[in-house]
Protein backbone atom coordinates (compact mmCIF):
# COMPACT_ATOMS: atom_id res chain seq x y z
CA MET A 1 -8.86 0.16 -28.78
CA PRO A 2 -7.09 -1.77 -26.01
CA MET A 3 -2.91 -1.70 -26.64
CA PRO A 4 -1.87 -5.12 -27.15
CA HIS A 5 -0.08 -6.98 -25.08
CA ASN A 6 1.84 -8.72 -27.43
CA ILE A 7 4.31 -5.93 -28.64
CA VAL A 8 7.93 -6.64 -27.47
CA LEU A 9 10.57 -4.01 -28.15
CA SER A 10 14.15 -3.59 -27.22
CA PRO A 11 15.52 -2.59 -23.99
CA PRO A 12 17.20 0.80 -24.55
CA LEU A 13 13.57 1.36 -26.49
CA THR A 14 11.25 0.28 -23.69
CA ARG A 15 13.18 2.59 -21.25
CA ARG A 16 13.38 5.62 -23.42
CA LEU A 17 9.62 4.80 -23.77
CA GLY A 18 9.17 5.01 -20.14
CA LEU A 19 11.57 8.13 -19.68
CA LEU A 20 9.16 9.79 -22.20
CA ALA A 21 6.32 8.98 -20.13
CA LEU A 22 7.68 10.35 -16.89
CA GLY A 23 8.77 13.72 -18.73
CA LEU A 24 5.30 14.27 -20.40
CA ALA A 25 3.37 12.97 -16.62
CA THR A 26 5.42 15.69 -14.89
CA LEU A 27 5.34 18.36 -17.82
CA LEU A 28 1.40 18.11 -18.36
CA PRO A 29 0.63 19.03 -14.77
CA MET A 30 2.72 22.33 -15.11
CA LEU A 31 1.37 22.65 -18.31
CA GLY A 32 -2.40 22.43 -17.69
CA GLY A 33 -2.04 24.58 -14.29
CA SER A 34 -0.27 27.66 -16.24
CA LEU A 35 -2.11 27.42 -20.00
CA ALA A 36 -5.07 28.11 -17.57
CA ASN A 37 -4.35 31.83 -16.74
CA MET A 38 -4.73 32.99 -20.08
CA VAL A 39 -7.82 31.63 -20.84
CA LEU A 40 -9.42 33.47 -17.80
CA PRO A 41 -10.15 37.19 -19.50
CA ALA A 42 -11.84 34.66 -22.63
CA LEU A 43 -13.58 32.33 -19.86
CA GLY A 44 -14.98 35.62 -18.66
CA GLN A 45 -16.77 37.01 -21.61
CA ALA A 46 -17.64 33.56 -22.93
CA PHE A 47 -19.76 32.88 -19.23
CA ALA A 48 -20.52 36.80 -18.17
CA VAL A 49 -19.29 35.46 -14.78
CA PRO A 50 -17.48 37.58 -12.21
CA PHE A 51 -13.91 37.56 -11.42
CA ALA A 52 -14.59 35.39 -8.22
CA SER A 53 -15.82 32.48 -10.35
CA LEU A 54 -13.16 32.31 -12.51
CA GLN A 55 -10.90 32.33 -9.81
CA TRP A 56 -12.20 28.91 -8.98
CA VAL A 57 -11.17 27.93 -12.64
CA LEU A 58 -7.59 28.03 -10.64
CA VAL A 59 -8.52 27.02 -7.14
CA ALA A 60 -10.25 23.74 -8.10
CA TYR A 61 -7.35 22.53 -10.08
CA LEU A 62 -4.64 23.92 -6.60
CA LEU A 63 -7.70 21.80 -4.41
CA GLY A 64 -7.47 18.60 -6.07
CA ILE A 65 -3.29 18.53 -6.82
CA THR A 66 -3.12 19.52 -3.19
CA CYS A 67 -5.29 17.17 -1.75
CA LEU A 68 -4.07 14.55 -3.51
CA THR A 69 -0.63 15.10 -3.42
CA VAL A 70 -0.54 14.25 0.50
CA VAL A 71 -1.44 10.23 -0.15
CA ALA A 72 -0.36 9.38 -3.61
CA GLY A 73 2.77 8.12 -3.53
CA ARG A 74 1.15 5.74 -0.70
CA LEU A 75 -1.56 5.38 -3.33
CA GLY A 76 1.01 4.04 -5.36
CA ASP A 77 3.00 1.74 -3.05
CA ARG A 78 -0.94 0.16 -2.05
CA PHE A 79 -2.14 -0.51 -5.54
CA GLY A 80 0.86 -0.21 -7.60
CA ARG A 81 2.70 2.93 -8.92
CA ARG A 82 1.95 1.90 -12.89
CA ARG A 83 -1.07 1.01 -12.08
CA LEU A 84 -2.03 4.13 -10.96
CA LEU A 85 -0.01 6.07 -12.91
CA LEU A 86 -1.81 4.86 -16.32
CA LEU A 87 -5.15 6.01 -14.28
CA GLY A 88 -3.62 9.26 -13.38
CA LEU A 89 -2.92 9.96 -17.32
CA GLY A 90 -6.54 8.63 -18.15
CA LEU A 91 -7.86 10.87 -16.51
CA PHE A 92 -6.01 13.86 -17.09
CA ALA A 93 -7.27 13.42 -20.47
CA LEU A 94 -10.69 12.58 -19.91
CA ALA A 95 -10.43 15.78 -17.21
CA SER A 96 -9.34 17.76 -20.12
CA LEU A 97 -12.14 16.62 -22.34
CA LEU A 98 -14.58 17.82 -20.18
CA CYS A 99 -12.77 21.39 -19.43
CA ALA A 100 -13.12 21.89 -22.99
CA LEU A 101 -16.44 20.64 -23.49
CA ALA A 102 -17.76 22.40 -20.30
CA PRO A 103 -20.94 24.08 -21.12
CA THR A 104 -21.02 26.14 -17.79
CA ILE A 105 -18.51 27.60 -15.71
CA GLY A 106 -19.68 25.30 -12.88
CA TRP A 107 -18.96 22.36 -15.34
CA LEU A 108 -15.62 23.70 -15.75
CA ILE A 109 -14.31 24.42 -12.41
CA ALA A 110 -15.67 20.37 -11.46
CA ALA A 111 -13.65 19.40 -14.44
CA ARG A 112 -10.45 21.51 -13.55
CA ALA A 113 -10.78 19.68 -10.12
CA LEU A 114 -10.86 16.30 -11.80
CA GLN A 115 -7.92 17.63 -13.42
CA GLY A 116 -6.15 18.21 -10.41
CA VAL A 117 -6.33 15.01 -8.90
CA ALA A 118 -5.33 13.35 -11.68
CA ALA A 119 -2.26 15.99 -12.01
CA ALA A 120 -1.14 14.87 -8.32
CA CYS A 121 -0.82 10.99 -9.01
CA MET A 122 1.14 11.96 -12.06
CA LEU A 123 3.64 14.23 -10.49
CA SER A 124 3.92 11.98 -7.21
CA LEU A 125 4.56 8.89 -9.38
CA ALA A 126 6.93 10.42 -12.30
CA LEU A 127 8.86 11.25 -9.24
CA ALA A 128 8.62 8.07 -7.40
CA MET A 129 9.63 5.97 -10.60
CA VAL A 130 12.48 7.56 -12.39
CA GLY A 131 14.85 5.44 -10.45
CA GLN A 132 13.29 2.52 -11.95
CA LEU A 133 14.41 3.34 -15.35
CA VAL A 134 17.71 4.55 -14.89
CA PRO A 135 21.07 2.99 -12.82
CA PRO A 136 21.52 4.71 -9.62
CA ALA A 137 24.80 6.54 -10.51
CA ARG A 138 22.55 8.46 -13.18
CA ARG A 139 19.75 9.43 -10.87
CA GLY A 140 20.53 12.54 -10.37
CA TRP A 141 20.44 12.91 -14.06
CA GLY A 142 16.82 11.84 -14.30
CA MET A 143 15.46 13.64 -11.56
CA GLY A 144 17.23 16.96 -13.06
CA LEU A 145 15.34 15.65 -16.34
CA LEU A 146 12.13 16.05 -14.63
CA GLY A 147 12.71 19.05 -12.92
CA THR A 148 13.69 20.62 -16.06
CA LEU A 149 10.26 19.43 -17.94
CA SER A 150 8.48 20.90 -15.27
CA ALA A 151 10.23 24.22 -15.24
CA CYS A 152 8.95 24.02 -19.27
CA GLY A 153 5.74 23.28 -18.67
CA THR A 154 5.29 26.35 -16.46
CA ALA A 155 6.86 28.63 -18.97
CA LEU A 156 5.17 26.94 -22.33
CA GLY A 157 1.46 27.33 -20.36
CA PRO A 158 1.31 31.35 -21.10
CA SER A 159 2.45 31.01 -24.69
CA PHE A 160 0.52 28.17 -25.80
CA GLY A 161 -2.41 29.21 -24.10
CA GLY A 162 -2.37 32.76 -25.71
CA LEU A 163 -1.77 31.82 -28.79
CA LEU A 164 -4.43 29.21 -29.02
CA THR A 165 -7.21 31.00 -27.45
CA ALA A 166 -6.60 34.05 -29.44
CA GLY A 167 -6.47 31.85 -32.70
CA PHE A 168 -8.97 29.06 -31.93
CA GLY A 169 -10.85 29.46 -28.78
CA TRP A 170 -10.98 29.09 -24.89
CA GLN A 171 -11.68 25.16 -25.22
CA ALA A 172 -8.42 24.95 -27.46
CA PRO A 173 -5.64 24.78 -24.81
CA PHE A 174 -7.44 22.39 -23.00
CA LEU A 175 -7.97 19.83 -26.05
CA LEU A 176 -4.07 20.45 -26.82
CA LEU A 177 -3.90 18.34 -23.65
CA VAL A 178 -5.98 15.25 -24.48
CA PRO A 179 -3.32 14.01 -27.58
CA LEU A 180 -0.70 14.54 -25.09
CA SER A 181 -1.84 12.79 -22.24
CA LEU A 182 -3.00 9.84 -25.08
CA LEU A 183 0.25 9.78 -26.02
CA ALA A 184 2.25 9.54 -22.76
CA LEU A 185 -0.64 6.97 -21.89
CA GLY A 186 0.62 4.78 -24.80
CA CYS A 187 4.12 5.27 -23.92
CA ALA A 188 3.41 4.21 -20.31
CA ARG A 189 2.03 1.40 -21.16
CA LEU A 190 4.86 -0.08 -23.18
CA GLY A 191 7.79 1.30 -21.40
CA LEU A 192 6.78 1.41 -17.82
CA PRO A 193 8.26 -1.84 -15.40
CA ARG A 194 5.21 -3.90 -14.14
CA ASP A 195 4.16 -3.27 -10.77
CA GLY A 196 5.44 -6.43 -8.74
CA SER A 197 3.71 -8.20 -5.84
CA SER A 198 5.19 -6.17 -3.15
CA PRO A 199 3.18 -6.67 0.46
CA GLN A 200 0.64 -3.93 0.81
CA PRO A 201 1.20 -1.05 3.01
CA GLU A 202 -0.34 0.38 6.16
CA ARG A 203 -4.36 1.28 5.69
CA MET A 204 -4.76 4.65 4.39
CA ASN A 205 -6.34 7.13 7.03
CA LEU A 206 -9.45 7.94 4.94
CA ALA A 207 -10.62 10.31 7.90
CA SER A 208 -8.20 12.31 7.91
CA LEU A 209 -7.84 13.12 4.55
CA SER A 210 -11.62 13.70 4.09
CA LEU A 211 -10.60 16.45 7.03
CA LEU A 212 -7.74 17.84 5.45
CA VAL A 213 -10.22 17.83 1.98
CA ALA A 214 -13.13 19.94 4.08
CA ALA A 215 -10.17 22.30 5.63
CA LEU A 216 -8.78 23.05 2.07
CA LEU A 217 -12.24 23.84 0.71
CA CYS A 218 -13.33 25.86 3.50
CA TYR A 219 -10.01 27.48 3.57
CA GLY A 220 -10.56 28.44 -0.42
CA LEU A 221 -14.22 29.58 0.09
CA ALA A 222 -13.10 31.94 2.82
CA LEU A 223 -10.78 33.46 0.74
CA THR A 224 -13.30 34.10 -2.32
CA GLN A 225 -16.30 34.67 -0.71
CA GLY A 226 -17.38 38.26 0.42
CA GLY A 227 -18.58 40.04 3.69
CA ALA A 228 -20.32 37.32 6.23
CA LEU A 229 -19.94 34.31 4.14
CA ALA A 230 -15.80 34.89 4.53
CA LEU A 231 -16.09 34.98 8.36
CA TRP A 232 -18.38 31.51 8.19
CA TRP A 233 -16.42 29.52 6.16
CA GLY A 234 -12.71 30.99 7.50
CA ALA A 235 -14.67 29.79 11.28
CA GLY A 236 -15.26 26.64 9.31
CA ALA A 237 -12.03 25.62 7.69
CA LEU A 238 -10.54 26.48 11.48
CA LEU A 239 -12.61 24.44 13.66
CA VAL A 240 -11.88 21.41 10.66
CA THR A 241 -8.22 22.01 11.18
CA ALA A 242 -8.67 21.53 14.57
CA SER A 243 -10.22 18.69 14.17
CA PHE A 244 -7.74 17.62 11.43
CA VAL A 245 -5.09 18.07 14.01
CA ARG A 246 -6.43 16.44 16.80
CA ARG A 247 -6.99 13.50 14.85
CA GLU A 248 -3.39 13.35 13.38
CA ARG A 249 -2.07 13.32 16.58
CA ARG A 250 -3.65 10.12 18.10
CA ALA A 251 -3.62 8.18 14.80
CA PRO A 252 -0.72 5.37 14.87
CA VAL A 253 0.05 6.40 11.49
CA PRO A 254 -0.61 10.09 10.15
CA LEU A 255 -1.65 11.36 7.00
CA LEU A 256 0.77 14.49 7.31
CA PRO A 257 4.17 14.73 9.74
CA LEU A 258 2.87 16.99 11.93
CA ALA A 259 5.24 16.45 14.53
CA LEU A 260 8.00 17.63 12.53
CA LEU A 261 7.02 21.24 12.85
CA GLY A 262 8.13 21.56 16.25
CA ALA A 263 11.74 21.21 14.67
CA PRO A 264 13.81 23.97 15.08
CA GLY A 265 13.45 26.68 12.18
CA LEU A 266 11.80 24.16 9.75
CA GLY A 267 8.27 25.52 10.32
CA ASN A 268 9.73 29.25 9.81
CA GLY A 269 11.37 27.66 6.43
CA LEU A 270 7.79 26.39 5.34
CA VAL A 271 6.14 29.63 5.80
CA ALA A 272 8.70 31.36 4.05
CA SER A 273 8.17 29.07 0.53
CA ALA A 274 3.91 29.77 1.25
CA LEU A 275 4.47 33.46 1.17
CA VAL A 276 7.32 33.26 -2.25
CA ALA A 277 4.70 30.84 -3.66
CA SER A 278 1.71 33.15 -3.14
CA VAL A 279 3.62 36.14 -4.80
CA MET A 280 4.85 34.38 -8.09
CA VAL A 281 1.35 32.47 -8.98
CA LEU A 282 -0.07 36.02 -8.30
CA THR A 283 2.09 37.41 -11.71
CA LEU A 284 0.21 34.51 -13.50
CA LEU A 285 -3.42 35.96 -12.63
CA ILE A 286 -2.96 39.18 -13.02
CA GLY A 287 -0.80 39.67 -15.53
CA PRO A 288 -3.16 38.67 -18.30
CA PHE A 289 -5.80 41.31 -17.59
CA TYR A 290 -3.50 44.11 -17.02
CA LEU A 291 -1.36 43.55 -19.86
CA ARG A 292 -3.92 43.73 -21.99
CA GLY A 293 -6.57 46.03 -20.05
CA VAL A 294 -3.20 48.95 -20.34
CA PHE A 295 -1.88 48.25 -23.02
CA GLY A 296 -4.18 46.47 -25.41
CA LEU A 297 -1.90 43.48 -26.60
CA SER A 298 -3.35 40.62 -28.26
CA LEU A 299 -3.53 37.44 -25.84
CA GLY A 300 -0.63 35.72 -28.19
CA THR A 301 1.61 38.60 -27.27
CA VAL A 302 0.52 38.47 -23.60
CA GLY A 303 1.19 34.78 -23.20
CA LEU A 304 4.87 35.38 -24.85
CA MET A 305 5.78 37.89 -22.63
CA ILE A 306 4.16 36.33 -19.77
CA SER A 307 6.13 33.03 -20.71
CA GLY A 308 9.51 34.94 -20.10
CA GLY A 309 9.84 34.70 -16.60
CA PRO A 310 9.20 31.33 -15.87
CA LEU A 311 11.33 30.36 -18.95
CA LEU A 312 14.04 32.76 -16.87
CA ALA A 313 13.53 31.02 -13.70
CA ALA A 314 14.10 27.53 -15.28
CA LEU A 315 17.32 28.64 -17.31
CA THR A 316 18.43 29.87 -13.63
CA GLY A 317 17.83 26.78 -11.47
CA MET A 318 21.27 25.12 -12.69
CA PRO A 319 23.29 28.31 -12.00
CA ALA A 320 21.47 28.69 -8.84
CA GLY A 321 22.58 25.50 -7.40
CA TRP A 322 26.06 26.15 -7.99
CA LEU A 323 25.55 29.32 -6.05
CA VAL A 324 24.07 27.23 -3.36
CA ASP A 325 27.30 24.84 -3.45
CA ARG A 326 29.95 27.91 -3.54
CA LEU A 327 27.95 30.70 -1.21
CA GLY A 328 25.74 28.35 1.17
CA THR A 329 22.21 28.45 1.48
CA ARG A 330 21.53 30.95 3.59
CA GLN A 331 23.28 33.62 1.80
CA VAL A 332 21.58 32.76 -1.65
CA VAL A 333 18.06 32.63 0.17
CA ARG A 334 18.82 36.16 1.15
CA LEU A 335 20.00 37.23 -1.96
CA GLY A 336 17.02 35.47 -3.83
CA LEU A 337 14.57 37.41 -1.64
CA ALA A 338 16.28 40.68 -1.93
CA VAL A 339 16.04 40.48 -5.69
CA MET A 340 12.66 39.71 -5.87
CA GLY A 341 11.87 42.52 -3.44
CA THR A 342 13.68 44.98 -5.37
CA ALA A 343 11.39 43.69 -8.86
CA ALA A 344 8.24 43.58 -6.56
CA LEU A 345 8.42 47.15 -5.37
CA GLY A 346 9.87 48.50 -9.12
CA LEU A 347 6.68 46.57 -10.15
CA ALA A 348 4.52 48.88 -7.88
CA GLY A 349 6.27 51.90 -8.73
CA ALA A 350 6.39 51.37 -12.45
CA ALA A 351 3.15 50.10 -13.08
CA GLY A 352 1.32 51.95 -16.07
CA GLN A 353 4.81 53.51 -16.99
CA PHE A 354 6.76 52.66 -19.73
CA GLY A 355 5.08 50.67 -21.38
CA PRO A 356 5.09 47.15 -21.37
CA LEU A 357 8.41 46.80 -20.59
CA GLY A 358 8.18 48.08 -17.47
CA TYR A 359 6.31 45.36 -16.77
CA LEU A 360 8.28 42.88 -18.48
CA LEU A 361 11.69 43.67 -16.59
CA PRO A 362 10.74 43.76 -13.40
CA ILE A 363 9.00 40.42 -13.76
CA LEU A 364 12.23 38.82 -15.40
CA LEU A 365 14.07 39.89 -12.08
CA LEU A 366 11.34 38.91 -9.61
CA THR A 367 11.04 35.49 -11.56
CA THR A 368 15.26 35.31 -11.05
CA GLY A 369 14.85 36.31 -7.39
CA TYR A 370 12.58 33.26 -7.00
CA ALA A 371 14.81 30.83 -8.77
CA LEU A 372 17.71 31.63 -6.33
CA PHE A 373 15.23 31.46 -3.75
CA GLN A 374 13.70 28.06 -4.08
CA THR A 375 16.91 26.25 -5.00
CA ALA A 376 18.43 27.59 -1.84
CA ASN A 377 15.48 27.22 0.50
CA ASN A 378 14.80 23.57 -1.09
CA SER A 379 18.14 22.36 -0.48
CA ALA A 380 18.13 23.42 3.15
CA VAL A 381 14.82 22.60 4.62
CA VAL A 382 15.34 19.07 2.62
CA GLY A 383 18.92 18.81 3.37
CA GLU A 384 18.98 19.60 7.15
CA ALA A 385 16.54 17.03 7.45
CA SER A 386 17.69 13.37 8.70
CA GLU A 387 17.81 10.67 6.51
CA GLN A 388 14.47 9.05 8.34
CA THR A 389 12.54 12.07 7.51
CA ARG A 390 13.54 13.74 4.14
CA GLY A 391 11.13 12.33 2.19
CA ALA A 392 7.65 13.59 4.82
CA VAL A 393 10.12 16.72 4.78
CA ALA A 394 10.15 17.15 1.11
CA GLY A 395 6.11 16.44 1.15
CA LEU A 396 5.44 19.05 3.48
CA LEU A 397 7.83 21.69 1.87
CA THR A 398 5.21 20.51 -1.42
CA LEU A 399 2.21 21.32 0.85
CA SER A 400 3.76 24.35 1.88
CA ARG A 401 4.04 25.59 -1.69
CA ASN A 402 0.64 24.28 -2.81
CA LEU A 403 -1.29 26.33 0.02
CA GLY A 404 0.63 29.21 -1.09
CA GLN A 405 -0.21 29.18 -4.29
CA LEU A 406 -3.99 28.81 -3.41
CA THR A 407 -3.71 31.59 -1.19
CA GLY A 408 -1.94 33.84 -4.21
CA VAL A 409 -5.04 32.82 -6.39
CA ALA A 410 -7.68 32.99 -4.05
CA GLY A 411 -6.88 35.53 -1.35
CA LEU A 412 -4.68 37.86 -2.89
CA GLY A 413 -6.85 37.34 -6.57
CA GLY A 414 -9.72 38.56 -4.44
CA LEU A 415 -8.02 41.32 -2.98
CA PHE A 416 -6.97 42.54 -7.19
CA ALA A 417 -10.75 42.12 -7.66
CA ALA A 418 -12.39 43.76 -4.70
CA LEU A 419 -9.91 46.92 -5.67
CA VAL A 420 -10.25 47.34 -9.38
CA GLY A 421 -14.10 46.04 -9.62
CA GLU A 422 -15.75 43.88 -11.72
CA GLN A 423 -16.06 46.90 -14.36
CA GLY A 424 -12.37 47.76 -13.59
CA LEU A 425 -11.46 44.45 -15.10
CA THR A 426 -10.92 46.45 -18.26
CA LEU A 427 -10.20 49.80 -17.28
CA ALA A 428 -6.98 50.95 -17.36
CA SER A 429 -6.85 53.26 -14.81
CA GLU A 430 -7.97 51.11 -12.01
CA LEU A 431 -6.31 47.94 -13.58
CA VAL A 432 -2.66 50.38 -12.59
CA PHE A 433 -3.99 50.65 -8.98
CA GLY A 434 -4.80 47.29 -8.39
CA THR A 435 -1.52 45.95 -9.66
CA ARG A 436 0.43 48.79 -7.63
CA ALA A 437 -1.09 47.70 -4.90
CA LEU A 438 -0.77 44.44 -5.23
CA PHE A 439 2.80 44.48 -5.65
CA ALA A 440 3.02 47.01 -3.04
CA LEU A 441 1.65 44.09 -0.62
CA SER A 442 3.71 41.41 -2.39
CA ALA A 443 6.64 43.52 -0.85
CA LEU A 444 5.82 43.20 2.56
CA LEU A 445 5.08 39.60 2.20
CA ILE A 446 8.26 39.19 0.76
CA GLY A 447 9.86 41.45 3.34
CA LEU A 448 8.32 39.28 6.05
CA ALA A 449 10.00 36.08 4.50
CA PHE A 450 13.06 37.27 4.76
CA TRP A 451 12.58 38.14 8.05
CA LEU A 452 12.04 34.53 8.98
CA VAL A 453 14.90 33.04 7.20
CA GLY A 454 16.99 35.85 8.57
CA ARG A 455 16.31 34.12 12.50
CA ARG A 456 18.43 31.19 13.13
CA ARG A 457 18.78 29.04 16.09
CA GLU A 458 21.93 27.57 17.45
CA GLY A 459 23.67 25.28 14.64
CA VAL A 460 20.57 24.98 12.51
CA LEU A 461 18.88 27.68 9.59
CA VAL A 462 15.70 28.37 9.79
CA SER A 463 15.16 27.86 6.06
CA ALA A 464 18.43 28.20 5.21
């Protein structure tokens, strides 16, 4: 039923509804991403598909977000931010319903890609519109609110996903997103200011966008395929990426500010961010299989345990910011990576020992280190950019994090599947071996990130 247009609300109520809409538009994409990890074991049983197919339930979502994130803000400027946010919320509700109704794993993967496209619109435009609802003096509060809700979405996803899947089946977590999306849509229609008649910005670089999508798709396929196919897809990813870079260098209005990568230290900071993101998403991917297969825990219990890490990361955000203000970004970045490396080594050594707490406690330590690293690294990478390039650098930072998550899900997840074998996903000894190997590799990746942030040119921190 169409929403009536003659409803008149008081300004304070309108503003609150608008903030609720933006908060839900920030929370739902993170909730939709993190709860899917808990559904994977049930999907493997329901559709009788290998782990490589299950990976694409996560990869498709990440591809949708990554591809559209780089242009969602410009699309909002061109067609109206409120209008595009409403479209994103409606599309997210539809895609979530399609996920729950998917008859095959292929249909589910396609619906997840559509869900990721909608999530990119929601995340980008919620951030862009918060300044329209709060006065400049409270803009920091508004940004902090969205950041907290984003972390809450990541923290709540595993527990909701585990409990709902255990009680009602794998469709239930996706169905939960439908009414929440419709609630956000209604609040947005009533509470967000209408788009003005702003001048149309420059034309979209659709050719570069198409090349970027093709490069990311080839990259994802190269990481999830085996044998010669992986080499062919990898070669395709390199060729398409080269074409994308060549076109971007000649474009009057490039899709991505690649020229900024030549700035001292910026490239290393982005690589470090990607490495850390790949390690963190790995914990959400293999945790459900490890805890269920080795210790026989219920999905609900597993979900609650895995939620502990993101919840602690959310609570550590404010203290991490306090440390950055007092110690400086470089010191806190190194401290966070040192804590993460220690935790990864602990996970590699303690896997299969000391019961579930032998997994949970190092995970909590790992996420604490991640919160320290992310707060300091984000402050350094964006803060050291000039006022004219700060937005573009923030976009590159988001892209690097998304690419790291994609690499973690597809590449490290594929390595985990290869180490344990398809039958090994239910064998405790194979799961312990695969978990130890992956976290030992994670410690090496964190060590590489530590080396990168330790390099410094005169007057410019590499990522801190």
